[in-house]
Each structure stands twice: as C-alpha cells, then as structure tokens.
Amino acid sequence: MDEKEFDYMNVIPLVDVMLVLLTIVLTTSSFIATGAIPVDLPKASQNFEETMKVQIIEIDGKGIIYLNEQPVSLLGLKNSMKALPKNMPVLIKADKSLALQIFVDVIDIVKSLGFTKTSLQTERSA
C-alpha cells in the first residue's frame, strides 16, 4: 500500500490554542481596565492631593501679574514662591497681547527657583 504524502499542515489546533489565549488576555485586561480587581490601598498620614495644589500665575494684557488671583510684583512673586516645594505644579496663563519681556521675566523666576512641573495654558483655535 502506498502512503499519501503530507500535502498540508493542519492549523485547526493552532487556531484553538490562539483563541484560548486571546480569551484569557481579553478577560484579564477587562478586569484591570474596569477596576474589578479589589485592591486594599495603603493609608498615608497626609492627603497628597490637598498638599500639592497647583500654583496659578496669570498675566493680564496690561502686564499685571497675579499669583492665585492675588496681584503681585515680580519681586513679590519670587518671594511668595520661594517657600513652596519645588515639585509643586505651576500653571502659567498669559494674555496673547502681552509684551514678551514680562512673560520671560515670570518664566525666568519660576525656572531660577527650581520648579520643574511648569505648564502654559492655551486655548484651541477654532
């Protein structure tokens, strides 16, 4: 009797294994994404969100500088920010018609004091 030659490879078992692996991955990822896995978080002595409030520096079109809605001078801004932790986020909002020098002075103060988490707020144009 002649034996038949092996003409093709049977991929059905490979597909079955891959579908089982895909099911496991999707099930596990959905638990992680929805937070269905119960985790008992450790407790801290301080609430980190309350201690790390964002410092907002605003500069209006006339060049008046505000720190958290209180008007300050450049020297007052520097003195007020010296006591703050250097990892505190700083948000700078500047009017678009502002003279560039005042904005550069504010940025220079923030950088010279060592603040590393600085951002500039802009609006998306329509």
N, C-alpha and C. Protein backbone atom coordinates (compact mmCIF):
# COMPACT_ATOMS: atom_id res chain seq x y z
N MET A 1 0.81 -1.18 0.00
CA MET A 1 0.00 0.00 0.00
C MET A 1 0.86 1.25 0.00
N ASP A 2 0.46 2.21 -0.81
CA ASP A 2 1.20 3.46 -0.88
C ASP A 2 0.68 4.43 0.18
N GLU A 3 1.62 5.06 0.84
CA GLU A 3 1.22 6.08 1.82
C GLU A 3 1.05 7.42 1.11
N LYS A 4 0.05 8.17 1.57
CA LYS A 4 -0.15 9.51 0.99
C LYS A 4 0.92 10.46 1.53
N GLU A 5 1.33 11.34 0.69
CA GLU A 5 2.29 12.34 1.14
C GLU A 5 1.56 13.40 1.95
N PHE A 6 2.30 14.02 2.83
CA PHE A 6 1.75 15.08 3.68
C PHE A 6 1.70 16.36 2.87
N ASP A 7 0.50 16.74 2.36
CA ASP A 7 0.35 17.88 1.47
C ASP A 7 0.13 19.21 2.20
N TYR A 8 -0.47 19.14 3.35
CA TYR A 8 -0.81 20.38 4.05
C TYR A 8 -0.61 20.19 5.54
N MET A 9 -0.60 21.33 6.23
CA MET A 9 -0.45 21.30 7.68
C MET A 9 -1.81 21.61 8.31
N ASN A 10 -2.20 20.87 9.29
CA ASN A 10 -3.47 21.08 9.98
C ASN A 10 -3.29 22.23 10.98
N VAL A 11 -3.94 23.36 10.75
CA VAL A 11 -3.79 24.54 11.60
C VAL A 11 -4.93 24.70 12.60
N ILE A 12 -5.89 23.81 12.58
CA ILE A 12 -7.03 23.92 13.49
C ILE A 12 -6.60 23.87 14.95
N PRO A 13 -5.70 22.98 15.39
CA PRO A 13 -5.27 23.02 16.79
C PRO A 13 -4.54 24.33 17.15
N LEU A 14 -3.77 24.88 16.21
CA LEU A 14 -3.10 26.15 16.46
C LEU A 14 -4.11 27.28 16.65
N VAL A 15 -5.14 27.30 15.84
CA VAL A 15 -6.18 28.32 15.96
C VAL A 15 -6.91 28.17 17.29
N ASP A 16 -7.20 26.94 17.72
CA ASP A 16 -7.86 26.70 19.00
C ASP A 16 -7.03 27.25 20.17
N VAL A 17 -5.73 26.99 20.14
CA VAL A 17 -4.85 27.47 21.21
C VAL A 17 -4.80 29.00 21.20
N MET A 18 -4.72 29.60 20.04
CA MET A 18 -4.67 31.06 19.96
C MET A 18 -5.97 31.71 20.44
N LEU A 19 -7.10 31.09 20.16
CA LEU A 19 -8.37 31.63 20.64
C LEU A 19 -8.47 31.55 22.16
N VAL A 20 -7.97 30.47 22.74
CA VAL A 20 -7.98 30.35 24.20
C VAL A 20 -7.08 31.43 24.81
N LEU A 21 -5.90 31.65 24.24
CA LEU A 21 -5.01 32.69 24.74
C LEU A 21 -5.61 34.08 24.59
N LEU A 22 -6.28 34.33 23.48
CA LEU A 22 -6.94 35.61 23.27
C LEU A 22 -8.04 35.83 24.30
N THR A 23 -8.80 34.79 24.60
CA THR A 23 -9.86 34.89 25.61
C THR A 23 -9.28 35.22 26.98
N ILE A 24 -8.19 34.59 27.34
CA ILE A 24 -7.55 34.85 28.63
C ILE A 24 -7.05 36.29 28.71
N VAL A 25 -6.41 36.76 27.66
CA VAL A 25 -5.89 38.13 27.65
C VAL A 25 -7.02 39.15 27.74
N LEU A 26 -8.07 38.97 26.96
CA LEU A 26 -9.19 39.93 26.99
C LEU A 26 -9.91 39.92 28.32
N THR A 27 -10.09 38.78 28.92
CA THR A 27 -10.75 38.71 30.23
C THR A 27 -9.92 39.41 31.29
N THR A 28 -8.64 39.14 31.31
CA THR A 28 -7.76 39.76 32.30
C THR A 28 -7.68 41.26 32.10
N SER A 29 -7.56 41.72 30.87
CA SER A 29 -7.45 43.16 30.62
C SER A 29 -8.74 43.89 30.97
N SER A 30 -9.88 43.26 30.80
CA SER A 30 -11.14 43.94 31.16
C SER A 30 -11.26 44.09 32.67
N PHE A 31 -10.73 43.14 33.45
CA PHE A 31 -10.73 43.29 34.91
C PHE A 31 -9.85 44.44 35.33
N ILE A 32 -8.71 44.57 34.69
CA ILE A 32 -7.78 45.64 35.05
C ILE A 32 -8.35 46.99 34.64
N ALA A 33 -8.95 47.08 33.45
CA ALA A 33 -9.45 48.36 32.93
C ALA A 33 -10.65 48.87 33.73
N THR A 34 -11.51 47.98 34.17
CA THR A 34 -12.70 48.41 34.90
C THR A 34 -12.48 48.51 36.39
N GLY A 35 -11.34 48.05 36.86
CA GLY A 35 -11.07 48.11 38.28
C GLY A 35 -11.84 47.07 39.06
N ALA A 36 -12.18 45.96 38.44
CA ALA A 36 -12.95 44.93 39.10
C ALA A 36 -12.10 44.10 40.06
N ILE A 37 -10.79 44.23 39.97
CA ILE A 37 -9.93 43.51 40.89
C ILE A 37 -9.85 44.32 42.18
N PRO A 38 -10.32 43.77 43.30
CA PRO A 38 -10.32 44.54 44.54
C PRO A 38 -8.90 44.71 45.08
N VAL A 39 -8.53 45.95 45.36
CA VAL A 39 -7.22 46.25 45.91
C VAL A 39 -7.42 47.08 47.16
N ASP A 40 -6.81 46.65 48.25
CA ASP A 40 -6.87 47.38 49.51
C ASP A 40 -5.66 48.31 49.55
N LEU A 41 -5.89 49.61 49.31
CA LEU A 41 -4.80 50.57 49.20
C LEU A 41 -4.24 50.93 50.57
N PRO A 42 -2.94 51.19 50.64
CA PRO A 42 -2.34 51.60 51.92
C PRO A 42 -2.76 53.02 52.28
N LYS A 43 -2.71 53.32 53.56
CA LYS A 43 -3.11 54.64 54.06
C LYS A 43 -1.88 55.51 54.28
N ALA A 44 -2.02 56.81 54.02
CA ALA A 44 -0.94 57.77 54.23
C ALA A 44 -1.36 58.75 55.32
N SER A 45 -0.38 59.39 55.94
CA SER A 45 -0.69 60.31 57.02
C SER A 45 -1.27 61.62 56.50
N GLN A 46 -0.92 62.00 55.26
CA GLN A 46 -1.44 63.23 54.68
C GLN A 46 -2.12 62.91 53.36
N ASN A 47 -3.06 63.76 53.00
CA ASN A 47 -3.70 63.63 51.71
C ASN A 47 -2.82 64.35 50.69
N PHE A 48 -2.22 63.61 49.78
CA PHE A 48 -1.27 64.18 48.82
C PHE A 48 -1.94 65.21 47.93
N GLU A 49 -3.19 64.97 47.55
CA GLU A 49 -3.87 65.90 46.65
C GLU A 49 -4.08 67.26 47.29
N GLU A 50 -4.30 67.30 48.61
CA GLU A 50 -4.52 68.57 49.27
C GLU A 50 -3.22 69.35 49.44
N THR A 51 -2.10 68.65 49.65
CA THR A 51 -0.84 69.36 49.87
C THR A 51 -0.22 69.83 48.57
N MET A 52 -0.58 69.24 47.44
CA MET A 52 0.03 69.59 46.17
C MET A 52 -0.94 70.33 45.25
N LYS A 53 -1.42 71.45 45.67
CA LYS A 53 -2.30 72.25 44.84
C LYS A 53 -1.47 72.96 43.77
N VAL A 54 -2.10 73.24 42.68
CA VAL A 54 -1.42 73.91 41.56
C VAL A 54 -1.33 75.41 41.87
N GLN A 55 -0.15 75.97 41.64
CA GLN A 55 0.03 77.41 41.76
C GLN A 55 -0.26 78.01 40.39
N ILE A 56 -1.17 78.96 40.34
CA ILE A 56 -1.57 79.56 39.06
C ILE A 56 -1.04 80.98 38.99
N ILE A 57 -0.23 81.22 37.97
CA ILE A 57 0.31 82.56 37.71
C ILE A 57 -0.40 83.07 36.46
N GLU A 58 -1.06 84.21 36.60
CA GLU A 58 -1.78 84.82 35.46
C GLU A 58 -1.18 86.19 35.18
N ILE A 59 -1.06 86.51 33.90
CA ILE A 59 -0.57 87.82 33.48
C ILE A 59 -1.61 88.39 32.52
N ASP A 60 -2.21 89.52 32.89
CA ASP A 60 -3.24 90.08 32.01
C ASP A 60 -2.60 90.92 30.90
N GLY A 61 -3.43 91.49 30.06
CA GLY A 61 -2.96 92.25 28.91
C GLY A 61 -2.18 93.50 29.26
N LYS A 62 -2.38 94.03 30.48
CA LYS A 62 -1.68 95.24 30.92
C LYS A 62 -0.34 94.90 31.59
N GLY A 63 -0.06 93.60 31.77
CA GLY A 63 1.21 93.20 32.39
C GLY A 63 1.13 93.02 33.89
N ILE A 64 -0.07 93.04 34.45
CA ILE A 64 -0.22 92.83 35.89
C ILE A 64 -0.15 91.33 36.17
N ILE A 65 0.66 90.96 37.14
CA ILE A 65 0.89 89.55 37.47
C ILE A 65 0.03 89.18 38.67
N TYR A 66 -0.62 88.03 38.59
CA TYR A 66 -1.45 87.52 39.67
C TYR A 66 -0.94 86.13 40.07
N LEU A 67 -0.78 85.91 41.36
CA LEU A 67 -0.45 84.58 41.88
C LEU A 67 -1.67 84.11 42.66
N ASN A 68 -2.32 83.08 42.16
CA ASN A 68 -3.56 82.56 42.77
C ASN A 68 -4.57 83.68 42.98
N GLU A 69 -4.79 84.48 41.94
CA GLU A 69 -5.77 85.56 41.87
C GLU A 69 -5.44 86.76 42.76
N GLN A 70 -4.23 86.82 43.31
CA GLN A 70 -3.79 87.97 44.11
C GLN A 70 -2.72 88.72 43.33
N PRO A 71 -2.89 90.03 43.10
CA PRO A 71 -1.88 90.76 42.34
C PRO A 71 -0.55 90.83 43.10
N VAL A 72 0.54 90.59 42.38
CA VAL A 72 1.89 90.64 42.96
C VAL A 72 2.84 91.29 41.96
N SER A 73 3.96 91.80 42.48
CA SER A 73 5.01 92.31 41.62
C SER A 73 5.95 91.15 41.30
N LEU A 74 6.94 91.40 40.45
CA LEU A 74 7.91 90.35 40.14
C LEU A 74 8.67 89.93 41.39
N LEU A 75 9.07 90.90 42.21
CA LEU A 75 9.77 90.57 43.45
C LEU A 75 8.85 89.83 44.42
N GLY A 76 7.59 90.27 44.50
CA GLY A 76 6.63 89.58 45.36
C GLY A 76 6.36 88.16 44.90
N LEU A 77 6.34 87.95 43.58
CA LEU A 77 6.16 86.61 43.04
C LEU A 77 7.32 85.72 43.44
N LYS A 78 8.53 86.24 43.32
CA LYS A 78 9.72 85.47 43.67
C LYS A 78 9.71 85.12 45.16
N ASN A 79 9.39 86.09 46.01
CA ASN A 79 9.38 85.85 47.46
C ASN A 79 8.27 84.88 47.85
N SER A 80 7.12 84.97 47.21
CA SER A 80 6.00 84.08 47.54
C SER A 80 6.28 82.63 47.14
N MET A 81 7.00 82.46 46.05
CA MET A 81 7.23 81.11 45.55
C MET A 81 8.46 80.43 46.15
N LYS A 82 9.29 81.20 46.87
CA LYS A 82 10.49 80.61 47.48
C LYS A 82 10.14 79.54 48.51
N ALA A 83 9.06 79.75 49.25
CA ALA A 83 8.72 78.83 50.34
C ALA A 83 7.99 77.57 49.85
N LEU A 84 7.60 77.54 48.59
CA LEU A 84 6.82 76.41 48.07
C LEU A 84 7.73 75.24 47.72
N PRO A 85 7.22 74.00 47.80
CA PRO A 85 8.02 72.85 47.38
C PRO A 85 8.31 72.92 45.88
N LYS A 86 9.51 72.51 45.50
CA LYS A 86 9.95 72.64 44.11
C LYS A 86 9.26 71.67 43.16
N ASN A 87 8.60 70.64 43.69
CA ASN A 87 7.89 69.71 42.81
C ASN A 87 6.42 70.08 42.66
N MET A 88 6.02 71.24 43.16
CA MET A 88 4.64 71.70 43.04
C MET A 88 4.37 72.15 41.60
N PRO A 89 3.26 71.72 41.01
CA PRO A 89 2.93 72.14 39.64
C PRO A 89 2.62 73.64 39.57
N VAL A 90 3.12 74.28 38.52
CA VAL A 90 2.89 75.71 38.29
C VAL A 90 2.24 75.86 36.92
N LEU A 91 1.09 76.53 36.88
CA LEU A 91 0.37 76.78 35.63
C LEU A 91 0.46 78.27 35.33
N ILE A 92 0.92 78.59 34.13
CA ILE A 92 1.07 80.00 33.73
C ILE A 92 0.05 80.30 32.65
N LYS A 93 -0.75 81.34 32.89
CA LYS A 93 -1.73 81.82 31.92
C LYS A 93 -1.34 83.25 31.56
N ALA A 94 -1.10 83.51 30.29
CA ALA A 94 -0.69 84.84 29.86
C ALA A 94 -1.59 85.30 28.72
N ASP A 95 -1.95 86.58 28.75
CA ASP A 95 -2.75 87.18 27.69
C ASP A 95 -1.95 87.18 26.39
N LYS A 96 -2.62 86.96 25.27
CA LYS A 96 -1.90 86.88 23.99
C LYS A 96 -1.38 88.23 23.52
N SER A 97 -1.92 89.32 24.02
CA SER A 97 -1.44 90.64 23.60
C SER A 97 -0.36 91.17 24.54
N LEU A 98 0.14 90.34 25.42
CA LEU A 98 1.12 90.72 26.43
C LEU A 98 2.50 90.96 25.81
N ALA A 99 3.23 91.94 26.37
CA ALA A 99 4.62 92.15 25.95
C ALA A 99 5.44 90.94 26.38
N LEU A 100 6.29 90.47 25.51
CA LEU A 100 7.04 89.25 25.74
C LEU A 100 7.97 89.34 26.94
N GLN A 101 8.52 90.51 27.24
CA GLN A 101 9.51 90.64 28.30
C GLN A 101 8.93 90.28 29.67
N ILE A 102 7.71 90.66 29.95
CA ILE A 102 7.09 90.34 31.25
C ILE A 102 6.91 88.83 31.37
N PHE A 103 6.49 88.20 30.29
CA PHE A 103 6.32 86.75 30.30
C PHE A 103 7.66 86.05 30.53
N VAL A 104 8.71 86.53 29.87
CA VAL A 104 10.04 85.95 30.03
C VAL A 104 10.54 86.15 31.45
N ASP A 105 10.25 87.30 32.05
CA ASP A 105 10.65 87.54 33.44
C ASP A 105 9.98 86.55 34.40
N VAL A 106 8.70 86.29 34.18
CA VAL A 106 7.98 85.33 35.04
C VAL A 106 8.55 83.93 34.86
N ILE A 107 8.78 83.52 33.62
CA ILE A 107 9.36 82.21 33.35
C ILE A 107 10.75 82.10 34.00
N ASP A 108 11.53 83.17 33.91
CA ASP A 108 12.86 83.18 34.50
C ASP A 108 12.81 83.00 36.01
N ILE A 109 11.86 83.64 36.67
CA ILE A 109 11.71 83.48 38.12
C ILE A 109 11.35 82.05 38.47
N VAL A 110 10.39 81.48 37.74
CA VAL A 110 9.95 80.11 38.02
C VAL A 110 11.10 79.13 37.82
N LYS A 111 11.86 79.29 36.75
CA LYS A 111 12.97 78.36 36.47
C LYS A 111 14.12 78.56 37.45
N SER A 112 14.40 79.82 37.83
CA SER A 112 15.52 80.07 38.74
C SER A 112 15.24 79.53 40.14
N LEU A 113 13.97 79.43 40.51
CA LEU A 113 13.61 78.86 41.81
C LEU A 113 13.61 77.34 41.79
N GLY A 114 13.75 76.74 40.62
CA GLY A 114 13.88 75.29 40.54
C GLY A 114 12.59 74.51 40.35
N PHE A 115 11.52 75.17 39.96
CA PHE A 115 10.26 74.46 39.72
C PHE A 115 10.38 73.68 38.41
N THR A 116 10.05 72.40 38.47
CA THR A 116 10.22 71.54 37.30
C THR A 116 8.91 71.19 36.61
N LYS A 117 7.81 71.32 37.29
CA LYS A 117 6.50 70.98 36.71
C LYS A 117 5.77 72.26 36.33
N THR A 118 6.19 72.84 35.22
CA THR A 118 5.57 74.09 34.75
C THR A 118 4.84 73.83 33.45
N SER A 119 3.69 74.48 33.31
CA SER A 119 2.96 74.35 32.05
C SER A 119 2.33 75.68 31.70
N LEU A 120 2.07 75.85 30.43
CA LEU A 120 1.48 77.08 29.90
C LEU A 120 0.11 76.73 29.35
N GLN A 121 -0.92 77.41 29.81
CA GLN A 121 -2.29 77.13 29.35
C GLN A 121 -2.57 77.92 28.09
N THR A 122 -3.10 77.21 27.10
CA THR A 122 -3.52 77.83 25.84
C THR A 122 -4.94 77.39 25.51
N GLU A 123 -5.52 78.02 24.52
CA GLU A 123 -6.83 77.62 24.03
C GLU A 123 -6.70 77.13 22.60
N ARG A 124 -7.52 76.17 22.25
CA ARG A 124 -7.52 75.63 20.88
C ARG A 124 -8.22 76.64 19.98
N SER A 125 -7.59 76.92 18.84
CA SER A 125 -8.22 77.85 17.90
C SER A 125 -9.29 77.10 17.11
N ALA A 126 -10.34 77.83 16.77
CA ALA A 126 -11.48 77.19 16.09
C ALA A 126 -11.24 76.96 14.64
